[in-house]
């Protein structure tokens, strides 16, 4: 009997969405009970205008529709709820497989801006993701008028790739989008993550 050695398979999924604890935060999989908090955060024009795929106004039903898909357990993507350890949803960070590339997305309730929380959350999510998927690149981007998001990506090691027009659902218009990419060897882990 001849034994056939199988070649190791490339990892195509980072595995189940984890729970990640940082210095100040707990990132956990989303739950259906997050709908009201998500709606309250995303019904804020200051938050939603920086996101491409979120309508304005944003209702609890919109959150429940999104959560039904995300909580189904059928997606390889990671959608992490950001909490301060008290289990109250204050934002989201995701790593989604889109058009063959892993893509970082994120948003944070406006009342938590300016504290470095999103750098901590995104950095921790990327760190865990790259441990599971060390050969992967992570793509992201931000609208050209979102300087804070572009600074966050630069701190983590993302480099600028291109600028193109992208449709913003909340603005109902085409908006300049700066595309970025992070290679594993360029990742800069933030303090606290």
Protein backbone atom coordinates (compact mmCIF):
# COMPACT_ATOMS: atom_id res chain seq x y z
CA UNK A 1 0.00 0.00 0.00
CA UNK A 2 1.48 3.35 -1.03
CA UNK A 3 0.96 6.24 1.32
CA UNK A 4 0.25 9.53 -0.41
CA UNK A 5 1.49 12.56 1.45
CA UNK A 6 -0.88 15.47 1.24
CA UNK A 7 0.49 18.94 0.74
CA UNK A 8 -0.46 21.39 3.49
CA UNK A 9 -3.44 23.44 2.44
CA UNK A 10 -3.32 27.22 2.44
CA UNK A 11 -5.41 28.69 5.21
CA UNK A 12 -8.34 30.44 3.58
CA UNK A 13 -10.17 31.44 6.75
CA UNK A 14 -8.94 32.91 10.02
CA UNK A 15 -11.35 30.68 11.92
CA UNK A 16 -14.20 31.67 14.22
CA UNK A 17 -14.56 35.26 15.33
CA UNK A 18 -12.58 35.51 18.59
CA UNK A 19 -12.95 37.42 21.83
CA UNK A 20 -10.01 39.80 22.17
CA UNK A 21 -9.10 41.67 25.35
CA UNK A 22 -6.88 44.74 25.28
CA UNK A 23 -5.77 47.16 27.97
CA UNK A 24 -9.11 49.04 27.88
CA UNK A 25 -11.42 47.05 25.62
CA UNK A 26 -13.12 43.73 25.03
CA UNK A 27 -13.81 42.89 21.39
CA UNK A 28 -16.39 40.15 20.97
CA UNK A 29 -18.62 38.69 18.27
CA UNK A 30 -21.76 40.73 17.64
CA UNK A 31 -25.09 39.65 19.13
CA UNK A 32 -28.67 40.39 18.13
CA UNK A 33 -29.01 42.38 21.37
CA UNK A 34 -26.53 44.94 19.96
CA UNK A 35 -29.15 46.30 17.52
CA UNK A 36 -30.38 49.26 19.58
CA UNK A 37 -26.89 50.45 20.54
CA UNK A 38 -25.74 50.12 16.93
CA UNK A 39 -28.74 52.09 15.69
CA UNK A 40 -28.09 54.86 18.22
CA UNK A 41 -24.45 55.15 17.11
CA UNK A 42 -25.07 54.86 13.37
CA UNK A 43 -27.98 57.28 13.35
CA UNK A 44 -25.37 59.98 14.04
CA UNK A 45 -24.46 61.83 10.83
CA UNK A 46 -20.90 62.48 12.09
CA UNK A 47 -20.31 58.70 12.18
CA UNK A 48 -22.35 57.52 9.23
CA UNK A 49 -21.08 60.09 6.71
CA UNK A 50 -17.64 58.44 6.88
CA UNK A 51 -19.01 54.97 6.01
CA UNK A 52 -19.76 53.84 2.47
CA UNK A 53 -22.40 51.14 3.03
CA UNK A 54 -24.55 52.54 5.85
CA UNK A 55 -27.82 54.37 5.13
CA UNK A 56 -28.94 57.55 6.85
CA UNK A 57 -31.19 57.56 8.79
CA UNK A 58 -30.21 54.24 10.37
CA UNK A 59 -32.96 52.37 12.22
CA UNK A 60 -32.90 49.42 14.66
CA UNK A 61 -34.42 47.34 11.84
CA UNK A 62 -31.33 48.12 9.70
CA UNK A 63 -29.13 46.89 12.54
CA UNK A 64 -31.20 43.72 12.97
CA UNK A 65 -31.02 42.99 9.22
CA UNK A 66 -27.22 43.34 9.31
CA UNK A 67 -26.92 41.32 12.52
CA UNK A 68 -29.04 38.48 11.07
CA UNK A 69 -26.41 38.01 8.36
CA UNK A 70 -23.38 38.52 10.63
CA UNK A 71 -24.63 36.31 13.44
CA UNK A 72 -25.63 33.47 11.10
CA UNK A 73 -22.29 31.69 11.51
CA UNK A 74 -21.95 31.19 7.76
CA UNK A 75 -19.36 33.88 7.07
CA UNK A 76 -15.58 33.54 7.27
CA UNK A 77 -15.35 37.23 8.18
CA UNK A 78 -14.75 38.66 11.63
CA UNK A 79 -17.23 41.26 12.89
CA UNK A 80 -16.17 42.35 16.36
CA UNK A 81 -18.28 44.50 18.67
CA UNK A 82 -16.18 47.00 20.61
CA UNK A 83 -17.00 47.28 24.32
CA UNK A 84 -15.20 48.74 27.31
CA UNK A 85 -15.59 45.48 29.20
CA UNK A 86 -19.12 46.30 30.36
CA UNK A 87 -20.60 44.54 27.29
CA UNK A 88 -22.14 47.80 25.97
CA UNK A 89 -21.64 48.07 22.19
CA UNK A 90 -19.76 51.29 21.30
CA UNK A 91 -18.42 50.42 17.86
CA UNK A 92 -17.30 47.77 15.44
CA UNK A 93 -14.14 46.51 13.78
CA UNK A 94 -14.27 43.94 11.00
CA UNK A 95 -12.04 41.89 8.76
CA UNK A 96 -14.05 40.92 5.70
CA UNK A 97 -13.11 38.95 2.63
CA UNK A 98 -14.10 41.20 -0.29
CA UNK A 99 -13.20 40.50 -3.92
CA UNK A 100 -10.40 38.15 -2.86
CA UNK A 101 -8.80 40.59 -0.39
CA UNK A 102 -9.14 40.88 3.39
CA UNK A 103 -10.50 44.31 4.22
CA UNK A 104 -10.43 46.20 7.54
CA UNK A 105 -13.51 48.24 8.37
CA UNK A 106 -14.39 50.09 11.57
CA UNK A 107 -16.51 52.74 13.23
CA UNK A 108 -16.91 54.11 16.74
CA UNK A 109 -19.68 55.97 18.54
CA UNK A 110 -18.78 59.67 18.32
CA UNK A 111 -18.73 60.15 22.11
CA UNK A 112 -15.70 57.82 22.30
CA UNK A 113 -13.62 59.60 19.63
CA UNK A 114 -10.25 61.13 20.45
CA UNK A 115 -9.24 58.59 23.13
CA UNK A 116 -7.20 56.19 20.98
CA UNK A 117 -9.80 53.45 21.40
CA UNK A 118 -10.13 52.70 17.69
CA UNK A 119 -6.36 52.44 17.23
CA UNK A 120 -6.33 49.98 20.13
CA UNK A 121 -9.30 47.98 18.78
CA UNK A 122 -8.17 47.86 15.14
CA UNK A 123 -4.61 47.09 16.16
CA UNK A 124 -5.69 44.19 18.37
CA UNK A 125 -7.98 42.75 15.69
CA UNK A 126 -5.26 42.95 13.03
CA UNK A 127 -2.69 41.47 15.39
CA UNK A 128 -4.90 38.42 16.10
CA UNK A 129 -5.85 38.11 12.42
CA UNK A 130 -2.21 38.16 11.24
CA UNK A 131 -1.27 35.52 13.81
CA UNK A 132 -3.84 33.23 12.20
CA UNK A 133 -3.24 34.41 8.61
CA UNK A 134 0.45 35.46 8.52
CA UNK A 135 0.69 35.48 4.72
CA UNK A 136 -2.29 37.79 4.27
CA UNK A 137 -2.40 41.43 3.36
CA UNK A 138 -5.10 43.65 4.81
CA UNK A 139 -6.69 46.34 2.68
CA UNK A 140 -8.61 49.33 3.95
CA UNK A 141 -9.23 52.94 3.11
CA UNK A 142 -11.06 56.07 4.10
CA UNK A 143 -12.86 58.91 2.44
CA UNK A 144 -10.44 61.72 1.64
CA UNK A 145 -12.15 64.02 4.17
CA UNK A 146 -11.62 61.51 7.01
CA UNK A 147 -8.13 62.54 8.15
CA UNK A 148 -8.49 60.81 11.54
CA UNK A 149 -9.10 57.43 9.91
CA UNK A 150 -6.18 57.86 7.54
CA UNK A 151 -3.91 58.76 10.50
CA UNK A 152 -5.07 55.64 12.36
CA UNK A 153 -4.21 53.46 9.37
CA UNK A 154 -0.81 55.13 8.99
CA UNK A 155 -0.04 54.46 12.70
CA UNK A 156 -0.74 50.75 12.12
CA UNK A 157 1.56 50.58 9.09
CA UNK A 158 -0.87 50.87 6.18
CA UNK A 159 0.49 52.49 3.03
CA UNK A 160 -1.43 54.50 0.45
CA UNK A 161 -2.27 52.64 -2.75
CA UNK A 162 -4.67 54.71 -4.80
CA UNK A 163 -7.44 57.26 -4.84
CA UNK A 164 -10.74 56.58 -6.57
CA UNK A 165 -14.36 57.61 -6.38
CA UNK A 166 -16.67 55.43 -4.28
CA UNK A 167 -20.38 55.70 -3.64
CA UNK A 168 -21.44 56.70 -0.13
CA UNK A 169 -24.93 55.47 0.71
CA UNK A 170 -25.41 57.98 3.53
CA UNK A 171 -24.23 60.93 1.42
CA UNK A 172 -25.98 59.60 -1.70
CA UNK A 173 -22.98 60.72 -3.73
CA UNK A 174 -19.64 59.69 -5.13
CA UNK A 175 -16.82 60.59 -2.72
CA UNK A 176 -13.01 60.44 -3.12
CA UNK A 177 -11.73 57.28 -1.36
CA UNK A 178 -8.08 56.75 -0.40
CA UNK A 179 -7.24 53.03 -0.63
CA UNK A 180 -4.59 51.55 1.67
CA UNK A 181 -2.86 48.23 2.27
CA UNK A 182 -0.99 46.61 5.16
CA UNK A 183 1.53 43.81 4.72
CA UNK A 184 2.22 41.65 7.78
CA UNK A 185 5.87 42.71 7.97
CA UNK A 186 4.84 46.40 8.09
CA UNK A 187 2.28 46.05 10.91
CA UNK A 188 2.96 48.31 13.88
CA UNK A 189 1.19 47.01 16.97
CA UNK A 190 -0.14 49.93 19.06
CA UNK A 191 0.41 50.17 22.80
CA UNK A 192 -2.39 48.63 24.81
CA UNK A 193 -3.55 46.36 21.99
